[in-house]
Amino acid sequence: MSQHEISRKLNISRNCIYQTINKFNKLHTVATKPGAERRSKLTDRQKRAIKLQQVRDDTLSLNDLIRYVQTSFNITVSRRTVSRILNEFDMFSYVAPRKPRINHRQQYSRLRWCYQHLSWTENDWSNVIFTDESNFEILNRKDRIYIRRFRNDLKRFERSQPRVHKCGGVGIWSYLTCHGLGPIVFYDGSLNSDKYTDILDQHLPTAHEKFLPQSPRKILLQQDNARPHVSIKTRKYFKKKKINPIPWPANSADLNLIENIWSILDD
């Protein structure tokens, strides 16, 4: 087959075919010669130093590493170069989760709670008032920490960032029953025992009025284990008002039905 026929069949130029044939006749291969690409600015030792800086502090950004290279080695590199070097060491970046993963003890507590309430009927759950609060930040909503770890690091997801509510936020509390969603209550600042008991004192009587007076079971209050919920002052308030909180396992906010309401409001 002639070069013209090959060019027309493969839809490539005749010059490309000519150069490829000459290269194969001369070198007996068409592979790129080693060392033909552009030389790297950084040596292997300098690349390992960049990796070591990232290992020491996994929150260092690419701009921080660029400044480190420029200060230590007097070499100017780009963000893409630093990222490629870290990828060569199998290090990748991800956003640190807001909450740590649950441990085995918390998993056991969740399963035990589920088995204890497995026999509950629809009537049993209809006597529960699901309550929860959430904080929505107006400013700094996308404040996040980027972490860079080795891909085969089994403990990489244990690295989480604390949830710190900054200025420009609003707190919302509400409850959910079989009769529907309660009112949305707004409060300023962080929730403490005083604010929490005041909210319950104002809105729980309205929630109880929706239930039948001749209900055979006690009306239970569901809440997670936030500090204002389990403080001494709050427990004394429950005892005084004869409020019966339902036992709730730690770190189990996703079991709460009202959590879906916050996700809808956040969107």
Protein backbone atom coordinates (compact mmCIF):
# COMPACT_ATOMS: atom_id res chain seq x y z
CA MET A 1 0.00 0.00 0.00
CA SER A 2 1.43 3.38 -0.98
CA GLN A 3 1.84 6.36 1.37
CA HIS A 4 -0.92 8.19 -0.45
CA GLU A 5 -3.39 5.35 0.16
CA ILE A 6 -2.38 5.11 3.84
CA SER A 7 -2.82 8.85 4.25
CA ARG A 8 -6.27 8.78 2.72
CA LYS A 9 -7.37 5.71 4.72
CA LEU A 10 -6.12 6.92 8.12
CA ASN A 11 -6.93 10.58 7.44
CA ILE A 12 -3.43 11.81 8.38
CA SER A 13 -0.90 13.79 6.42
CA ARG A 14 1.65 12.17 4.12
CA ASN A 15 4.42 14.05 5.90
CA CYS A 16 3.49 12.38 9.19
CA ILE A 17 3.59 8.97 7.55
CA TYR A 18 6.95 9.76 5.93
CA GLN A 19 8.52 10.87 9.25
CA THR A 20 7.17 7.81 11.07
CA ILE A 21 8.60 5.42 8.47
CA ASN A 22 12.01 7.11 8.54
CA LYS A 23 12.05 7.04 12.36
CA PHE A 24 11.25 3.32 12.42
CA ASN A 25 13.93 2.55 9.77
CA LYS A 26 16.49 4.48 11.81
CA LEU A 27 15.61 3.52 15.42
CA HIS A 28 13.49 0.37 14.86
CA THR A 29 10.80 1.92 17.07
CA VAL A 30 8.26 4.70 16.94
CA ALA A 31 8.24 5.35 20.71
CA THR A 32 9.35 8.71 22.06
CA LYS A 33 12.98 8.72 23.09
CA PRO A 34 13.62 9.01 26.84
CA GLY A 35 14.58 12.52 27.81
CA ALA A 36 12.93 14.07 24.81
CA GLU A 37 10.48 16.07 26.92
CA ARG A 38 11.26 19.30 28.72
CA ARG A 39 13.48 19.00 31.77
CA SER A 40 11.83 19.54 35.13
CA LYS A 41 12.68 22.64 37.12
CA LEU A 42 12.75 20.66 40.34
CA THR A 43 14.95 17.77 41.30
CA ASP A 44 13.65 14.60 42.94
CA ARG A 45 14.94 15.82 46.29
CA GLN A 46 13.07 19.11 45.95
CA LYS A 47 9.89 17.25 44.99
CA ARG A 48 10.19 15.11 48.12
CA ALA A 49 10.63 18.29 50.16
CA ILE A 50 7.33 19.61 48.78
CA LYS A 51 5.64 16.35 49.67
CA LEU A 52 7.10 16.49 53.18
CA GLN A 53 5.71 20.01 53.69
CA GLN A 54 2.27 18.79 52.68
CA VAL A 55 2.52 15.77 55.01
CA ARG A 56 3.49 17.98 57.95
CA ASP A 57 0.49 20.24 57.39
CA ASP A 58 -2.28 18.73 55.27
CA THR A 59 -4.13 22.08 55.11
CA LEU A 60 -1.41 23.85 53.13
CA SER A 61 -2.78 25.22 49.87
CA LEU A 62 -1.03 25.19 46.53
CA ASN A 63 -0.22 28.89 46.96
CA ASP A 64 1.48 28.12 50.28
CA LEU A 65 3.60 25.45 48.61
CA ILE A 66 4.49 27.81 45.77
CA ARG A 67 5.76 30.35 48.29
CA TYR A 68 7.72 27.59 50.04
CA VAL A 69 9.43 26.58 46.78
CA GLN A 70 10.23 30.17 45.92
CA THR A 71 11.65 30.90 49.38
CA SER A 72 13.59 27.66 49.87
CA PHE A 73 14.80 26.92 46.34
CA ASN A 74 14.50 30.34 44.63
CA ILE A 75 12.44 28.71 41.87
CA THR A 76 9.13 29.96 40.48
CA VAL A 77 6.61 27.22 39.73
CA SER A 78 2.92 27.19 38.89
CA ARG A 79 -0.01 25.74 40.80
CA ARG A 80 -0.37 23.09 38.11
CA THR A 81 3.24 21.98 38.60
CA VAL A 82 2.85 21.64 42.37
CA SER A 83 -0.41 19.75 41.97
CA ARG A 84 1.15 17.38 39.45
CA ILE A 85 4.10 16.69 41.79
CA LEU A 86 1.76 15.83 44.66
CA ASN A 87 -0.28 13.60 42.36
CA GLU A 88 2.90 11.72 41.49
CA PHE A 89 3.16 10.85 45.20
CA ASP A 90 -0.49 9.68 45.12
CA MET A 91 -1.72 12.58 47.23
CA PHE A 92 -5.13 14.03 46.47
CA SER A 93 -7.24 16.80 47.96
CA TYR A 94 -10.78 16.77 49.32
CA VAL A 95 -12.98 18.98 51.46
CA ALA A 96 -12.79 18.03 55.13
CA PRO A 97 -16.24 16.95 56.36
CA ARG A 98 -18.06 19.06 58.89
CA LYS A 99 -18.69 16.09 61.17
CA PRO A 100 -16.49 13.08 61.92
CA ARG A 101 -17.65 9.62 61.06
CA ILE A 102 -19.36 7.65 63.78
CA ASN A 103 -17.27 5.10 65.64
CA HIS A 104 -18.16 1.48 66.43
CA ARG A 105 -19.64 2.36 69.81
CA GLN A 106 -21.97 4.91 68.26
CA GLN A 107 -22.94 2.43 65.55
CA TYR A 108 -23.81 -0.11 68.22
CA SER A 109 -25.93 2.47 70.06
CA ARG A 110 -27.85 3.26 66.90
CA LEU A 111 -28.54 -0.39 66.14
CA ARG A 112 -29.61 -1.08 69.71
CA TRP A 113 -31.99 1.89 69.62
CA CYS A 114 -33.47 0.67 66.32
CA TYR A 115 -34.00 -2.86 67.66
CA GLN A 116 -35.64 -1.47 70.81
CA HIS A 117 -38.16 0.49 68.72
CA LEU A 118 -38.59 -2.07 65.99
CA SER A 119 -41.92 -3.22 67.41
CA TRP A 120 -43.36 0.28 67.66
CA THR A 121 -46.53 0.78 65.67
CA GLU A 122 -47.76 3.80 63.80
CA ASN A 123 -49.81 4.78 66.85
CA ASP A 124 -46.69 4.72 69.00
CA TRP A 125 -44.79 7.06 66.69
CA SER A 126 -47.80 9.35 66.36
CA ASN A 127 -47.32 10.34 70.01
CA VAL A 128 -43.78 11.69 69.48
CA ILE A 129 -42.94 15.36 69.01
CA PHE A 130 -39.79 15.57 66.87
CA THR A 131 -37.88 18.77 67.63
CA ASP A 132 -34.63 20.16 66.35
CA GLU A 133 -32.80 23.41 65.70
CA SER A 134 -30.29 24.47 63.10
CA ASN A 135 -28.07 27.45 62.37
CA PHE A 136 -27.96 28.97 58.90
CA GLU A 137 -25.05 31.26 58.10
CA ILE A 138 -25.69 34.20 55.83
CA LEU A 139 -22.00 35.09 55.58
CA ASN A 140 -19.10 32.67 55.08
CA ARG A 141 -21.46 29.84 54.11
CA LYS A 142 -18.80 28.25 51.90
CA ASP A 143 -16.01 28.46 54.44
CA ARG A 144 -14.34 25.09 54.07
CA ILE A 145 -10.97 23.44 54.63
CA TYR A 146 -9.22 21.52 51.86
CA ILE A 147 -7.18 18.54 53.00
CA ARG A 148 -4.55 16.69 51.00
CA ARG A 149 -3.77 13.13 52.04
CA PHE A 150 -2.35 9.94 50.56
CA ARG A 151 -4.92 8.02 48.57
CA ASN A 152 -4.23 4.79 50.50
CA ASP A 153 -4.44 6.51 53.92
CA LEU A 154 -7.14 4.59 55.80
CA LYS A 155 -7.58 7.39 58.34
CA ARG A 156 -7.95 10.22 55.86
CA PHE A 157 -11.68 10.61 56.52
CA GLU A 158 -11.13 10.93 60.26
CA ARG A 159 -9.80 14.42 59.59
CA SER A 160 -12.76 16.76 60.00
CA GLN A 161 -13.17 20.47 60.57
CA PRO A 162 -15.04 21.85 63.56
CA ARG A 163 -18.32 23.56 62.83
CA VAL A 164 -17.82 27.14 63.99
CA HIS A 165 -20.76 29.50 63.55
CA LYS A 166 -19.50 32.94 62.66
CA CYS A 167 -21.26 36.26 62.43
CA GLY A 168 -24.17 36.79 60.10
CA GLY A 169 -26.16 33.68 61.02
CA VAL A 170 -29.65 32.94 62.24
CA GLY A 171 -30.92 30.08 64.40
CA ILE A 172 -34.18 28.26 63.66
CA TRP A 173 -36.15 25.86 65.86
CA SER A 174 -39.28 23.91 65.04
CA TYR A 175 -41.10 20.66 65.72
CA LEU A 176 -42.79 17.99 63.67
CA THR A 177 -45.70 15.73 64.69
CA CYS A 178 -48.23 13.50 62.97
CA HIS A 179 -50.45 16.60 62.80
CA GLY A 180 -47.93 18.54 60.70
CA LEU A 181 -45.05 20.98 61.05
CA GLY A 182 -44.98 23.46 63.89
CA PRO A 183 -44.10 27.14 63.65
CA ILE A 184 -40.61 28.27 62.65
CA VAL A 185 -38.99 29.97 65.65
CA PHE A 186 -36.02 32.28 65.07
CA TYR A 187 -33.39 33.11 67.68
CA ASP A 188 -30.17 35.12 67.69
CA GLY A 189 -26.76 33.77 68.51
CA SER A 190 -25.96 30.34 69.81
CA LEU A 191 -28.59 28.24 71.54
CA ASN A 192 -28.16 27.82 75.29
CA SER A 193 -30.26 26.29 78.06
CA ASP A 194 -32.14 29.53 78.79
CA LYS A 195 -33.17 30.08 75.17
CA TYR A 196 -34.04 26.41 74.72
CA THR A 197 -36.29 26.20 77.77
CA ASP A 198 -37.96 29.51 76.84
CA ILE A 199 -38.75 28.16 73.36
CA LEU A 200 -40.17 24.94 74.78
CA ASP A 201 -42.19 26.84 77.36
CA GLN A 202 -43.82 28.95 74.65
CA HIS A 203 -44.47 26.36 71.94
CA LEU A 204 -44.79 22.91 73.54
CA PRO A 205 -48.24 23.63 75.03
CA THR A 206 -49.51 24.39 71.53
CA ALA A 207 -48.04 21.11 70.28
CA HIS A 208 -49.71 19.15 73.09
CA GLU A 209 -53.09 20.69 72.30
CA LYS A 210 -53.07 18.99 68.89
CA PHE A 211 -53.12 15.56 70.50
CA LEU A 212 -56.29 13.94 71.79
CA PRO A 213 -56.80 14.38 75.55
CA GLN A 214 -57.77 10.72 75.88
CA SER A 215 -54.55 9.50 74.24
CA PRO A 216 -53.65 6.17 75.92
CA ARG A 217 -49.90 6.78 75.70
CA LYS A 218 -47.69 9.55 77.02
CA ILE A 219 -46.61 12.20 74.58
CA LEU A 220 -42.85 11.90 74.10
CA LEU A 221 -40.40 14.64 73.15
CA GLN A 222 -37.60 13.78 70.76
CA GLN A 223 -34.39 15.78 70.81
CA ASP A 224 -30.77 15.07 69.97
CA ASN A 225 -27.99 15.20 72.56
CA ALA A 226 -26.91 18.80 72.05
CA ARG A 227 -25.51 20.48 75.15
CA PRO A 228 -28.55 22.73 75.79
CA HIS A 229 -30.75 19.60 75.60
CA VAL A 230 -28.97 17.64 78.31
CA SER A 231 -27.84 20.38 80.64
CA ILE A 232 -28.76 20.26 84.31
CA LYS A 233 -31.08 23.24 83.92
CA THR A 234 -32.91 21.63 81.01
CA ARG A 235 -33.32 18.33 82.85
CA LYS A 236 -34.72 20.14 85.87
CA TYR A 237 -37.15 21.90 83.54
CA PHE A 238 -38.28 18.56 82.07
CA LYS A 239 -38.83 17.15 85.55
CA LYS A 240 -40.79 20.20 86.67
CA LYS A 241 -43.01 20.25 83.55
CA LYS A 242 -43.32 16.45 83.50
CA ILE A 243 -41.95 16.23 79.95
CA ASN A 244 -40.87 12.77 78.85
CA PRO A 245 -37.93 12.86 76.40
CA ILE A 246 -37.50 9.78 74.25
CA PRO A 247 -34.07 8.11 74.67
CA TRP A 248 -31.90 9.09 71.73
CA PRO A 249 -28.45 7.68 70.81
CA ALA A 250 -25.53 10.02 70.41
CA ASN A 251 -24.52 11.28 66.95
CA SER A 252 -27.81 10.18 65.44
CA ALA A 253 -29.20 13.36 64.01
CA ASP A 254 -29.92 11.64 60.69
CA LEU A 255 -32.53 9.44 62.43
CA ASN A 256 -34.56 12.53 63.21
CA LEU A 257 -37.41 13.12 60.78
CA ILE A 258 -37.20 16.89 61.03
CA GLU A 259 -33.65 16.85 59.63
CA ASN A 260 -35.22 16.71 56.17
CA ILE A 261 -36.89 20.05 56.83
CA TRP A 262 -33.53 21.75 57.33
CA SER A 263 -32.22 20.31 54.06
CA ILE A 264 -35.23 21.76 52.23
CA LEU A 265 -34.77 25.19 53.83
CA ASP A 266 -31.04 25.17 53.10
CA ASP A 267 -31.68 24.67 49.39
